[in-house]
Protein backbone atom coordinates (compact mmCIF):
# COMPACT_ATOMS: atom_id res chain seq x y z
CA UNK A 1 0.00 0.00 0.00
CA UNK A 2 2.90 2.40 -0.44
CA UNK A 3 2.37 5.31 1.98
CA UNK A 4 0.11 3.41 4.38
CA UNK A 5 1.51 0.83 6.77
CA UNK A 6 -0.34 -1.17 9.44
CA UNK A 7 0.94 -0.66 12.96
CA UNK A 8 0.75 -2.58 16.21
CA UNK A 9 0.98 -1.47 19.81
CA UNK A 10 -0.41 1.29 21.97
CA UNK A 11 -0.36 4.14 19.45
CA UNK A 12 -3.07 6.82 19.34
CA UNK A 13 -4.70 8.58 16.40
CA UNK A 14 -3.43 12.17 16.21
CA UNK A 15 -6.92 13.48 15.37
CA UNK A 16 -9.33 11.68 17.70
CA UNK A 17 -6.96 10.07 20.22
CA UNK A 18 -8.40 6.58 19.68
CA UNK A 19 -5.91 3.80 20.44
CA UNK A 20 -7.84 0.61 19.73
CA UNK A 21 -4.84 -1.02 18.03
CA UNK A 22 -6.02 -0.38 14.47
CA UNK A 23 -3.91 2.68 13.76
CA UNK A 24 -1.90 3.12 10.59
CA UNK A 25 0.92 5.42 9.61
CA UNK A 26 1.01 7.90 6.71
CA UNK A 27 4.28 9.52 5.64
CA UNK A 28 3.79 12.71 3.71
CA UNK A 29 6.42 15.30 2.87
CA UNK A 30 8.92 13.74 5.26
CA UNK A 31 6.47 13.83 8.18
CA UNK A 32 4.92 10.80 9.89
CA UNK A 33 1.22 10.88 10.84
CA UNK A 34 -0.80 8.24 12.73
CA UNK A 35 -4.55 7.72 12.26
CA UNK A 36 -7.15 5.12 13.17
CA UNK A 37 -9.42 5.74 10.16
CA UNK A 38 -9.39 7.27 6.70
CA UNK A 39 -11.90 9.80 8.03
CA UNK A 40 -9.31 11.15 10.48
CA UNK A 41 -6.56 11.07 7.84
CA UNK A 42 -8.72 13.06 5.42
CA UNK A 43 -9.62 15.57 8.13
CA UNK A 44 -5.95 16.14 8.97
CA UNK A 45 -4.30 16.04 5.56
CA UNK A 46 -6.68 17.46 2.97
CA UNK A 47 -6.29 21.06 1.81
CA UNK A 48 -9.02 23.66 2.29
CA UNK A 49 -10.59 25.88 -0.35
CA UNK A 50 -8.90 29.30 -0.46
CA UNK A 51 -12.27 31.05 -0.65
CA UNK A 52 -14.96 29.14 1.29
CA UNK A 53 -12.74 26.96 3.50
CA UNK A 54 -14.34 23.58 2.73
CA UNK A 55 -12.13 20.47 2.73
CA UNK A 56 -11.06 19.17 -0.67
CA UNK A 57 -11.19 15.38 -0.88
CA UNK A 58 -10.90 15.36 -4.67
CA UNK A 59 -9.29 17.48 -7.33
CA UNK A 60 -9.43 21.21 -6.90
CA UNK A 61 -8.77 24.19 -9.11
CA UNK A 62 -5.30 25.66 -8.57
CA UNK A 63 -4.67 29.31 -9.39
CA UNK A 64 -1.23 30.55 -8.42
CA UNK A 65 -0.51 29.21 -4.93
CA UNK A 66 -4.19 28.85 -3.98
CA UNK A 67 -6.46 25.81 -4.37
CA UNK A 68 -10.23 26.16 -4.73
CA UNK A 69 -13.09 23.66 -4.52
CA UNK A 70 -14.86 25.00 -7.62
CA UNK A 71 -14.59 27.50 -10.45
CA UNK A 72 -17.21 29.60 -8.64
CA UNK A 73 -14.98 29.98 -5.56
CA UNK A 74 -11.94 30.71 -7.73
CA UNK A 75 -13.88 33.38 -9.62
CA UNK A 76 -15.39 34.91 -6.48
CA UNK A 77 -11.95 35.12 -4.84
CA UNK A 78 -10.47 36.78 -7.95
CA UNK A 79 -13.31 39.32 -7.99
CA UNK A 80 -12.82 40.02 -4.27
CA UNK A 81 -9.07 40.57 -4.76
CA UNK A 82 -9.70 42.87 -7.73
CA UNK A 83 -12.24 44.91 -5.72
CA UNK A 84 -9.75 45.27 -2.85
CA UNK A 85 -7.07 46.57 -5.26
CA UNK A 86 -9.54 49.09 -6.72
CA UNK A 87 -10.50 50.32 -3.24
CA UNK A 88 -6.85 50.72 -2.25
CA UNK A 89 -6.16 52.70 -5.42
CA UNK A 90 -9.18 54.94 -4.80
CA UNK A 91 -8.11 55.59 -1.20
CA UNK A 92 -4.59 56.41 -2.32
CA UNK A 93 -5.92 59.01 -4.79
CA UNK A 94 -8.02 60.79 -2.12
PDB file of N, CA and C in Angstrom:
ATOM      1  N   UNK A   1       0.808  -1.205   0.000  1.00  0.00           N
ATOM      2  CA  UNK A   1       0.000   0.000   0.000  1.00  0.00           C
ATOM      3  C   UNK A   1       0.845   1.260   0.000  1.00  0.00           C
ATOM      4  N   UNK A   2       2.093   1.204  -0.292  1.00  0.00           N
ATOM      5  CA  UNK A   2       2.904   2.401  -0.436  1.00  0.00           C
ATOM      6  C   UNK A   2       3.030   3.243   0.808  1.00  0.00           C
ATOM      7  N   UNK A   3       2.245   4.353   0.884  1.00  0.00           N
ATOM      8  CA  UNK A   3       2.373   5.311   1.983  1.00  0.00           C
ATOM      9  C   UNK A   3       1.744   4.808   3.273  1.00  0.00           C
ATOM     10  N   UNK A   4       0.851   3.832   3.209  1.00  0.00           N
ATOM     11  CA  UNK A   4       0.109   3.413   4.384  1.00  0.00           C
ATOM     12  C   UNK A   4       0.646   2.078   4.887  1.00  0.00           C
ATOM     13  N   UNK A   5       0.913   2.013   6.171  1.00  0.00           N
ATOM     14  CA  UNK A   5       1.509   0.832   6.766  1.00  0.00           C
ATOM     15  C   UNK A   5       0.759   0.500   8.048  1.00  0.00           C
ATOM     16  N   UNK A   6       0.342  -0.757   8.217  1.00  0.00           N
ATOM     17  CA  UNK A   6      -0.342  -1.167   9.445  1.00  0.00           C
ATOM     18  C   UNK A   6       0.623  -1.115  10.614  1.00  0.00           C
ATOM     19  N   UNK A   7       0.094  -0.782  11.773  1.00  0.00           N
ATOM     20  CA  UNK A   7       0.939  -0.658  12.964  1.00  0.00           C
ATOM     21  C   UNK A   7       0.335  -1.452  14.122  1.00  0.00           C
ATOM     22  N   UNK A   8       1.164  -1.854  15.024  1.00  0.00           N
ATOM     23  CA  UNK A   8       0.752  -2.583  16.214  1.00  0.00           C
ATOM     24  C   UNK A   8       1.130  -1.764  17.436  1.00  0.00           C
ATOM     25  N   UNK A   9       0.566  -2.111  18.571  1.00  0.00           N
ATOM     26  CA  UNK A   9       0.979  -1.474  19.811  1.00  0.00           C
ATOM     27  C   UNK A   9      -0.012  -0.448  20.314  1.00  0.00           C
ATOM     28  N   UNK A  10       0.441   0.312  21.304  1.00  0.00           N
ATOM     29  CA  UNK A  10      -0.408   1.286  21.966  1.00  0.00           C
ATOM     30  C   UNK A  10      -0.160   2.677  21.389  1.00  0.00           C
ATOM     31  N   UNK A  11      -0.549   2.871  20.145  1.00  0.00           N
ATOM     32  CA  UNK A  11      -0.355   4.141  19.454  1.00  0.00           C
ATOM     33  C   UNK A  11      -1.713   4.786  19.255  1.00  0.00           C
ATOM     34  N   UNK A  12      -1.799   6.113  19.435  1.00  0.00           N
ATOM     35  CA  UNK A  12      -3.073   6.823  19.345  1.00  0.00           C
ATOM     36  C   UNK A  12      -3.175   7.625  18.052  1.00  0.00           C
ATOM     37  N   UNK A  13      -4.406   7.745  17.564  1.00  0.00           N
ATOM     38  CA  UNK A  13      -4.700   8.580  16.400  1.00  0.00           C
ATOM     39  C   UNK A  13      -4.439  10.033  16.771  1.00  0.00           C
ATOM     40  N   UNK A  14      -3.742  10.777  15.900  1.00  0.00           N
ATOM     41  CA  UNK A  14      -3.427  12.170  16.210  1.00  0.00           C
ATOM     42  C   UNK A  14      -4.622  13.096  16.087  1.00  0.00           C
ATOM     43  N   UNK A  15      -5.731  12.645  15.499  1.00  0.00           N
ATOM     44  CA  UNK A  15      -6.921  13.484  15.368  1.00  0.00           C
ATOM     45  C   UNK A  15      -7.902  13.234  16.504  1.00  0.00           C
ATOM     46  N   UNK A  16      -8.283  11.975  16.719  1.00  0.00           N
ATOM     47  CA  UNK A  16      -9.327  11.678  17.701  1.00  0.00           C
ATOM     48  C   UNK A  16      -8.805  11.058  18.995  1.00  0.00           C
ATOM     49  N   UNK A  17      -7.540  10.642  19.013  1.00  0.00           N
ATOM     50  CA  UNK A  17      -6.963  10.067  20.221  1.00  0.00           C
ATOM     51  C   UNK A  17      -7.284   8.603  20.448  1.00  0.00           C
ATOM     52  N   UNK A  18      -8.029   7.993  19.552  1.00  0.00           N
ATOM     53  CA  UNK A  18      -8.402   6.582  19.683  1.00  0.00           C
ATOM     54  C   UNK A  18      -7.150   5.711  19.598  1.00  0.00           C
ATOM     55  N   UNK A  19      -7.054   4.719  20.471  1.00  0.00           N
ATOM     56  CA  UNK A  19      -5.909   3.804  20.435  1.00  0.00           C
ATOM     57  C   UNK A  19      -6.367   2.355  20.554  1.00  0.00           C
ATOM     58  N   UNK A  20      -7.265   1.954  19.698  1.00  0.00           N
ATOM     59  CA  UNK A  20      -7.838   0.612  19.727  1.00  0.00           C
ATOM     60  C   UNK A  20      -6.981  -0.422  19.004  1.00  0.00           C
ATOM     61  N   UNK A  21      -5.742  -0.072  18.653  1.00  0.00           N
ATOM     62  CA  UNK A  21      -4.840  -1.024  18.027  1.00  0.00           C
ATOM     63  C   UNK A  21      -5.028  -1.165  16.525  1.00  0.00           C
ATOM     64  N   UNK A  22      -5.808  -0.290  15.912  1.00  0.00           N
ATOM     65  CA  UNK A  22      -6.024  -0.378  14.469  1.00  0.00           C
ATOM     66  C   UNK A  22      -5.464   0.851  13.758  1.00  0.00           C
ATOM     67  N   UNK A  23      -4.488   1.478  14.354  1.00  0.00           N
ATOM     68  CA  UNK A  23      -3.910   2.679  13.760  1.00  0.00           C
ATOM     69  C   UNK A  23      -2.986   2.321  12.601  1.00  0.00           C
ATOM     70  N   UNK A  24      -2.834   3.272  11.690  1.00  0.00           N
ATOM     71  CA  UNK A  24      -1.897   3.120  10.588  1.00  0.00           C
ATOM     72  C   UNK A  24      -1.110   4.411  10.450  1.00  0.00           C
ATOM     73  N   UNK A  25      -0.009   4.311   9.754  1.00  0.00           N
ATOM     74  CA  UNK A  25       0.919   5.423   9.609  1.00  0.00           C
ATOM     75  C   UNK A  25       0.888   5.938   8.177  1.00  0.00           C
ATOM     76  N   UNK A  26       0.918   7.261   8.023  1.00  0.00           N
ATOM     77  CA  UNK A  26       1.010   7.895   6.715  1.00  0.00           C
ATOM     78  C   UNK A  26       2.238   8.796   6.746  1.00  0.00           C
ATOM     79  N   UNK A  27       3.107   8.633   5.760  1.00  0.00           N
ATOM     80  CA  UNK A  27       4.276   9.515   5.641  1.00  0.00           C
ATOM     81  C   UNK A  27       4.044  10.426   4.449  1.00  0.00           C
ATOM     82  N   UNK A  28       4.080  11.719   4.732  1.00  0.00           N
ATOM     83  CA  UNK A  28       3.790  12.707   3.706  1.00  0.00           C
ATOM     84  C   UNK A  28       4.742  13.883   3.852  1.00  0.00           C
ATOM     85  N   UNK A  29       5.492  14.172   2.827  1.00  0.00           N
ATOM     86  CA  UNK A  29       6.423  15.300   2.872  1.00  0.00           C
ATOM     87  C   UNK A  29       7.475  15.166   3.955  1.00  0.00           C
ATOM     88  N   UNK A  30       7.916  13.956   4.234  1.00  0.00           N
ATOM     89  CA  UNK A  30       8.924  13.736   5.260  1.00  0.00           C
ATOM     90  C   UNK A  30       8.386  13.687   6.675  1.00  0.00           C
ATOM     91  N   UNK A  31       7.078  13.883   6.842  1.00  0.00           N
ATOM     92  CA  UNK A  31       6.470  13.830   8.181  1.00  0.00           C
ATOM     93  C   UNK A  31       5.680  12.536   8.350  1.00  0.00           C
ATOM     94  N   UNK A  32       5.671  12.013   9.582  1.00  0.00           N
ATOM     95  CA  UNK A  32       4.920  10.805   9.892  1.00  0.00           C
ATOM     96  C   UNK A  32       3.650  11.179  10.646  1.00  0.00           C
ATOM     97  N   UNK A  33       2.507  10.640  10.201  1.00  0.00           N
ATOM     98  CA  UNK A  33       1.222  10.876  10.842  1.00  0.00           C
ATOM     99  C   UNK A  33       0.601   9.529  11.183  1.00  0.00           C
ATOM    100  N   UNK A  34      -0.152   9.485  12.298  1.00  0.00           N
ATOM    101  CA  UNK A  34      -0.805   8.245  12.734  1.00  0.00           C
ATOM    102  C   UNK A  34      -2.295   8.494  12.867  1.00  0.00           C
ATOM    103  N   UNK A  35      -3.092   7.603  12.249  1.00  0.00           N
ATOM    104  CA  UNK A  35      -4.549   7.725  12.261  1.00  0.00           C
ATOM    105  C   UNK A  35      -5.176   6.365  12.526  1.00  0.00           C
ATOM    106  N   UNK A  36      -6.428   6.382  12.976  1.00  0.00           N
ATOM    107  CA  UNK A  36      -7.152   5.124  13.169  1.00  0.00           C
ATOM    108  C   UNK A  36      -8.207   4.901  12.094  1.00  0.00           C
ATOM    109  N   UNK A  37      -8.439   5.890  11.231  1.00  0.00           N
ATOM    110  CA  UNK A  37      -9.424   5.741  10.156  1.00  0.00           C
ATOM    111  C   UNK A  37      -9.070   6.685   9.012  1.00  0.00           C
ATOM    112  N   UNK A  38      -9.593   6.368   7.830  1.00  0.00           N
ATOM    113  CA  UNK A  38      -9.394   7.267   6.704  1.00  0.00           C
ATOM    114  C   UNK A  38     -10.102   8.595   6.948  1.00  0.00           C
ATOM    115  N   UNK A  39     -11.184   8.570   7.688  1.00  0.00           N
ATOM    116  CA  UNK A  39     -11.898   9.803   8.025  1.00  0.00           C
ATOM    117  C   UNK A  39     -10.969  10.783   8.750  1.00  0.00           C
ATOM    118  N   UNK A  40     -10.235  10.287   9.744  1.00  0.00           N
ATOM    119  CA  UNK A  40      -9.308  11.147  10.482  1.00  0.00           C
ATOM    120  C   UNK A  40      -8.150  11.591   9.597  1.00  0.00           C
ATOM    121  N   UNK A  41      -7.652  10.702   8.741  1.00  0.00           N
ATOM    122  CA  UNK A  41      -6.560  11.066   7.842  1.00  0.00           C
ATOM    123  C   UNK A  41      -7.000  12.168   6.884  1.00  0.00           C
ATOM    124  N   UNK A  42      -8.198  12.042   6.330  1.00  0.00           N
ATOM    125  CA  UNK A  42      -8.723  13.056   5.423  1.00  0.00           C
ATOM    126  C   UNK A  42      -8.883  14.385   6.150  1.00  0.00           C
ATOM    127  N   UNK A  43      -9.414  14.331   7.351  1.00  0.00           N
ATOM    128  CA  UNK A  43      -9.618  15.566   8.133  1.00  0.00           C
ATOM    129  C   UNK A  43      -8.294  16.286   8.384  1.00  0.00           C
ATOM    130  N   UNK A  44      -7.236  15.528   8.628  1.00  0.00           N
ATOM    131  CA  UNK A  44      -5.954  16.145   8.972  1.00  0.00           C
ATOM    132  C   UNK A  44      -5.125  16.561   7.758  1.00  0.00           C
ATOM    133  N   UNK A  45      -5.243  15.845   6.654  1.00  0.00           N
ATOM    134  CA  UNK A  45      -4.296  16.042   5.559  1.00  0.00           C
ATOM    135  C   UNK A  45      -4.840  16.743   4.317  1.00  0.00           C
ATOM    136  N   UNK A  46      -6.155  16.863   4.185  1.00  0.00           N
ATOM    137  CA  UNK A  46      -6.683  17.463   2.967  1.00  0.00           C
ATOM    138  C   UNK A  46      -6.576  18.988   3.017  1.00  0.00           C
ATOM    139  N   UNK A  47      -6.341  19.599   1.862  1.00  0.00           N
ATOM    140  CA  UNK A  47      -6.287  21.063   1.814  1.00  0.00           C
ATOM    141  C   UNK A  47      -7.681  21.660   1.917  1.00  0.00           C
ATOM    142  N   UNK A  48      -7.754  22.937   2.198  1.00  0.00           N
ATOM    143  CA  UNK A  48      -9.021  23.662   2.291  1.00  0.00           C
ATOM    144  C   UNK A  48      -9.113  24.679   1.153  1.00  0.00           C
ATOM    145  N   UNK A  49     -10.333  24.908   0.701  1.00  0.00           N
ATOM    146  CA  UNK A  49     -10.588  25.884  -0.353  1.00  0.00           C
ATOM    147  C   UNK A  49     -10.120  27.265   0.106  1.00  0.00           C
ATOM    148  N   UNK A  50      -9.416  27.978  -0.782  1.00  0.00           N
ATOM    149  CA  UNK A  50      -8.896  29.300  -0.457  1.00  0.00           C
ATOM    150  C   UNK A  50      -9.963  30.369  -0.339  1.00  0.00           C
ATOM    151  N   UNK A  51     -11.197  30.062  -0.732  1.00  0.00           N
ATOM    152  CA  UNK A  51     -12.270  31.051  -0.654  1.00  0.00           C
ATOM    153  C   UNK A  51     -13.292  30.695   0.425  1.00  0.00           C
ATOM    154  N   UNK A  52     -13.882  29.491   0.350  1.00  0.00           N
ATOM    155  CA  UNK A  52     -14.958  29.140   1.292  1.00  0.00           C
ATOM    156  C   UNK A  52     -14.486  28.298   2.474  1.00  0.00           C
ATOM    157  N   UNK A  53     -13.290  27.705   2.378  1.00  0.00           N
ATOM    158  CA  UNK A  53     -12.738  26.958   3.499  1.00  0.00           C
ATOM    159  C   UNK A  53     -13.136  25.503   3.593  1.00  0.00           C
ATOM    160  N   UNK A  54     -13.936  24.984   2.644  1.00  0.00           N
ATOM    161  CA  UNK A  54     -14.341  23.576   2.730  1.00  0.00           C
ATOM    162  C   UNK A  54     -13.151  22.664   2.442  1.00  0.00           C
ATOM    163  N   UNK A  55     -13.210  21.424   2.954  1.00  0.00           N
ATOM    164  CA  UNK A  55     -12.132  20.472   2.730  1.00  0.00           C
ATOM    165  C   UNK A  55     -12.251  19.867   1.338  1.00  0.00           C
ATOM    166  N   UNK A  56     -11.102  19.728   0.674  1.00  0.00           N
ATOM    167  CA  UNK A  56     -11.063  19.170  -0.667  1.00  0.00           C
ATOM    168  C   UNK A  56     -10.625  17.713  -0.603  1.00  0.00           C
ATOM    169  N   UNK A  57     -11.532  16.803  -0.881  1.00  0.00           N
ATOM    170  CA  UNK A  57     -11.188  15.383  -0.881  1.00  0.00           C
ATOM    171  C   UNK A  57     -10.955  14.868  -2.289  1.00  0.00           C
ATOM    172  N   UNK A  58     -11.145  15.716  -3.281  1.00  0.00           N
ATOM    173  CA  UNK A  58     -10.899  15.364  -4.674  1.00  0.00           C
ATOM    174  C   UNK A  58     -10.004  16.405  -5.302  1.00  0.00           C
ATOM    175  N   UNK A  59     -10.084  16.490  -6.611  1.00  0.00           N
ATOM    176  CA  UNK A  59      -9.291  17.481  -7.334  1.00  0.00           C
ATOM    177  C   UNK A  59      -9.866  18.868  -7.100  1.00  0.00           C
ATOM    178  N   UNK A  60      -9.000  19.827  -7.032  1.00  0.00           N
ATOM    179  CA  UNK A  60      -9.429  21.207  -6.901  1.00  0.00           C
ATOM    180  C   UNK A  60      -8.948  22.011  -8.083  1.00  0.00           C
ATOM    181  N   UNK A  61      -9.230  23.275  -8.078  1.00  0.00           N
ATOM    182  CA  UNK A  61      -8.770  24.193  -9.110  1.00  0.00           C
ATOM    183  C   UNK A  61      -7.643  25.010  -8.499  1.00  0.00           C
ATOM    184  N   UNK A  62      -6.467  24.954  -9.101  1.00  0.00           N
ATOM    185  CA  UNK A  62      -5.302  25.657  -8.571  1.00  0.00           C
ATOM    186  C   UNK A  62      -5.043  26.898  -9.416  1.00  0.00           C
ATOM    187  N   UNK A  63      -5.022  28.043  -8.759  1.00  0.00           N
ATOM    188  CA  UNK A  63      -4.665  29.310  -9.394  1.00  0.00           C
ATOM    189  C   UNK A  63      -3.553  29.930  -8.564  1.00  0.00           C
ATOM    190  N   UNK A  64      -2.383  30.054  -9.162  1.00  0.00           N
ATOM    191  CA  UNK A  64      -1.231  30.552  -8.418  1.00  0.00           C
ATOM    192  C   UNK A  64      -0.869  29.576  -7.319  1.00  0.00           C
ATOM    193  N   UNK A  65      -0.822  30.066  -6.087  1.00  0.00           N
ATOM    194  CA  UNK A  65      -0.512  29.208  -4.931  1.00  0.00           C
ATOM    195  C   UNK A  65      -1.753  28.836  -4.133  1.00  0.00           C
ATOM    196  N   UNK A  66      -2.943  29.078  -4.698  1.00  0.00           N
ATOM    197  CA  UNK A  66      -4.188  28.845  -3.975  1.00  0.00           C
ATOM    198  C   UNK A  66      -4.988  27.748  -4.655  1.00  0.00           C
ATOM    199  N   UNK A  67      -5.607  26.880  -3.853  1.00  0.00           N
ATOM    200  CA  UNK A  67      -6.461  25.815  -4.374  1.00  0.00           C
ATOM    201  C   UNK A  67      -7.910  26.122  -3.995  1.00  0.00           C
ATOM    202  N   UNK A  68      -8.810  25.885  -4.927  1.00  0.00           N
ATOM    203  CA  UNK A  68     -10.234  26.161  -4.728  1.00  0.00           C
ATOM    204  C   UNK A  68     -11.037  24.888  -4.970  1.00  0.00           C
ATOM    205  N   UNK A  69     -12.222  24.827  -4.356  1.00  0.00           N
ATOM    206  CA  UNK A  69     -13.085  23.658  -4.515  1.00  0.00           C
ATOM    207  C   UNK A  69     -13.861  23.688  -5.825  1.00  0.00           C
ATOM    208  N   UNK A  70     -14.052  24.879  -6.397  1.00  0.00           N
ATOM    209  CA  UNK A  70     -14.856  25.003  -7.616  1.00  0.00           C
ATOM    210  C   UNK A  70     -14.425  26.243  -8.389  1.00  0.00           C
ATOM    211  N   UNK A  71     -14.855  26.299  -9.651  1.00  0.00           N
ATOM    212  CA  UNK A  71     -14.589  27.496 -10.448  1.00  0.00           C
ATOM    213  C   UNK A  71     -15.301  28.710  -9.858  1.00  0.00           C
ATOM    214  N   UNK A  72     -16.459  28.489  -9.257  1.00  0.00           N
ATOM    215  CA  UNK A  72     -17.206  29.595  -8.640  1.00  0.00           C
ATOM    216  C   UNK A  72     -16.392  30.246  -7.531  1.00  0.00           C
ATOM    217  N   UNK A  73     -15.801  29.424  -6.645  1.00  0.00           N
ATOM    218  CA  UNK A  73     -14.982  29.985  -5.563  1.00  0.00           C
ATOM    219  C   UNK A  73     -13.743  30.674  -6.118  1.00  0.00           C
ATOM    220  N   UNK A  74     -13.118  30.085  -7.130  1.00  0.00           N
ATOM    221  CA  UNK A  74     -11.940  30.709  -7.735  1.00  0.00           C
ATOM    222  C   UNK A  74     -12.307  32.060  -8.329  1.00  0.00           C
ATOM    223  N   UNK A  75     -13.427  32.127  -9.014  1.00  0.00           N
ATOM    224  CA  UNK A  75     -13.880  33.377  -9.621  1.00  0.00           C
ATOM    225  C   UNK A  75     -14.237  34.408  -8.553  1.00  0.00           C
ATOM    226  N   UNK A  76     -14.991  33.982  -7.539  1.00  0.00           N
ATOM    227  CA  UNK A  76     -15.390  34.909  -6.477  1.00  0.00           C
ATOM    228  C   UNK A  76     -14.175  35.481  -5.755  1.00  0.00           C
ATOM    229  N   UNK A  77     -13.152  34.660  -5.523  1.00  0.00           N
ATOM    230  CA  UNK A  77     -11.953  35.123  -4.841  1.00  0.00           C
ATOM    231  C   UNK A  77     -11.196  36.110  -5.722  1.00  0.00           C
ATOM    232  N   UNK A  78     -11.134  35.854  -7.022  1.00  0.00           N
ATOM    233  CA  UNK A  78     -10.470  36.779  -7.946  1.00  0.00           C
ATOM    234  C   UNK A  78     -11.186  38.116  -7.982  1.00  0.00           C
ATOM    235  N   UNK A  79     -12.517  38.080  -7.995  1.00  0.00           N
ATOM    236  CA  UNK A  79     -13.307  39.315  -7.991  1.00  0.00           C
ATOM    237  C   UNK A  79     -13.063  40.080  -6.695  1.00  0.00           C
ATOM    238  N   UNK A  80     -13.044  39.371  -5.565  1.00  0.00           N
ATOM    239  CA  UNK A  80     -12.815  40.015  -4.267  1.00  0.00           C
ATOM    240  C   UNK A  80     -11.436  40.679  -4.234  1.00  0.00           C
ATOM    241  N   UNK A  81     -10.407  39.981  -4.737  1.00  0.00           N
ATOM    242  CA  UNK A  81      -9.066  40.567  -4.759  1.00  0.00           C
ATOM    243  C   UNK A  81      -9.023  41.793  -5.657  1.00  0.00           C
ATOM    244  N   UNK A  82      -9.666  41.725  -6.813  1.00  0.00           N
ATOM    245  CA  UNK A  82      -9.697  42.865  -7.729  1.00  0.00           C
ATOM    246  C   UNK A  82     -10.391  44.064  -7.073  1.00  0.00           C
ATOM    247  N   UNK A  83     -11.522  43.822  -6.394  1.00  0.00           N
ATOM    248  CA  UNK A  83     -12.243  44.905  -5.721  1.00  0.00           C
ATOM    249  C   UNK A  83     -11.389  45.539  -4.629  1.00  0.00           C
ATOM    250  N   UNK A  84     -10.619  44.718  -3.895  1.00  0.00           N
ATOM    251  CA  UNK A  84      -9.751  45.266  -2.855  1.00  0.00           C
ATOM    252  C   UNK A  84      -8.672  46.159  -3.449  1.00  0.00           C
ATOM    253  N   UNK A  85      -8.095  45.751  -4.599  1.00  0.00           N
ATOM    254  CA  UNK A  85      -7.073  46.572  -5.256  1.00  0.00           C
ATOM    255  C   UNK A  85      -7.661  47.898  -5.725  1.00  0.00           C
ATOM    256  N   UNK A  86      -8.881  47.863  -6.263  1.00  0.00           N
ATOM    257  CA  UNK A  86      -9.540  49.088  -6.722  1.00  0.00           C
ATOM    258  C   UNK A  86      -9.780  50.024  -5.544  1.00  0.00           C
ATOM    259  N   UNK A  87     -10.263  49.490  -4.428  1.00  0.00           N
ATOM    260  CA  UNK A  87     -10.502  50.324  -3.244  1.00  0.00           C
ATOM    261  C   UNK A  87      -9.212  50.946  -2.728  1.00  0.00           C
ATOM    262  N   UNK A  88      -8.133  50.181  -2.717  1.00  0.00           N
ATOM    263  CA  UNK A  88      -6.854  50.717  -2.254  1.00  0.00           C
ATOM    264  C   UNK A  88      -6.375  51.842  -3.161  1.00  0.00           C
ATOM    265  N   UNK A  89      -6.543  51.658  -4.480  1.00  0.00           N
ATOM    266  CA  UNK A  89      -6.158  52.705  -5.424  1.00  0.00           C
ATOM    267  C   UNK A  89      -6.984  53.970  -5.223  1.00  0.00           C
ATOM    268  N   UNK A  90      -8.289  53.789  -5.004  1.00  0.00           N
ATOM    269  CA  UNK A  90      -9.184  54.944  -4.804  1.00  0.00           C
ATOM    270  C   UNK A  90      -8.794  55.683  -3.527  1.00  0.00           C
ATOM    271  N   UNK A  91      -8.496  54.937  -2.465  1.00  0.00           N
ATOM    272  CA  UNK A  91      -8.105  55.589  -1.198  1.00  0.00           C
ATOM    273  C   UNK A  91      -6.788  56.323  -1.354  1.00  0.00           C
ATOM    274  N   UNK A  92      -5.879  55.776  -2.126  1.00  0.00           N
ATOM    275  CA  UNK A  92      -4.586  56.413  -2.321  1.00  0.00           C
ATOM    276  C   UNK A  92      -4.722  57.730  -3.101  1.00  0.00           C
ATOM    277  N   UNK A  93      -5.719  57.802  -3.977  1.00  0.00           N
ATOM    278  CA  UNK A  93      -5.921  59.009  -4.785  1.00  0.00           C
ATOM    279  C   UNK A  93      -6.676  60.092  -4.032  1.00  0.00           C
ATOM    280  N   UNK A  94      -7.255  59.781  -2.881  1.00  0.00           N
ATOM    281  CA  UNK A  94      -8.021  60.789  -2.123  1.00  0.00           C
ATOM    282  C   UNK A  94      -7.140  61.748  -1.428  1.00  0.00           C
TER     283      UNK A  94
END
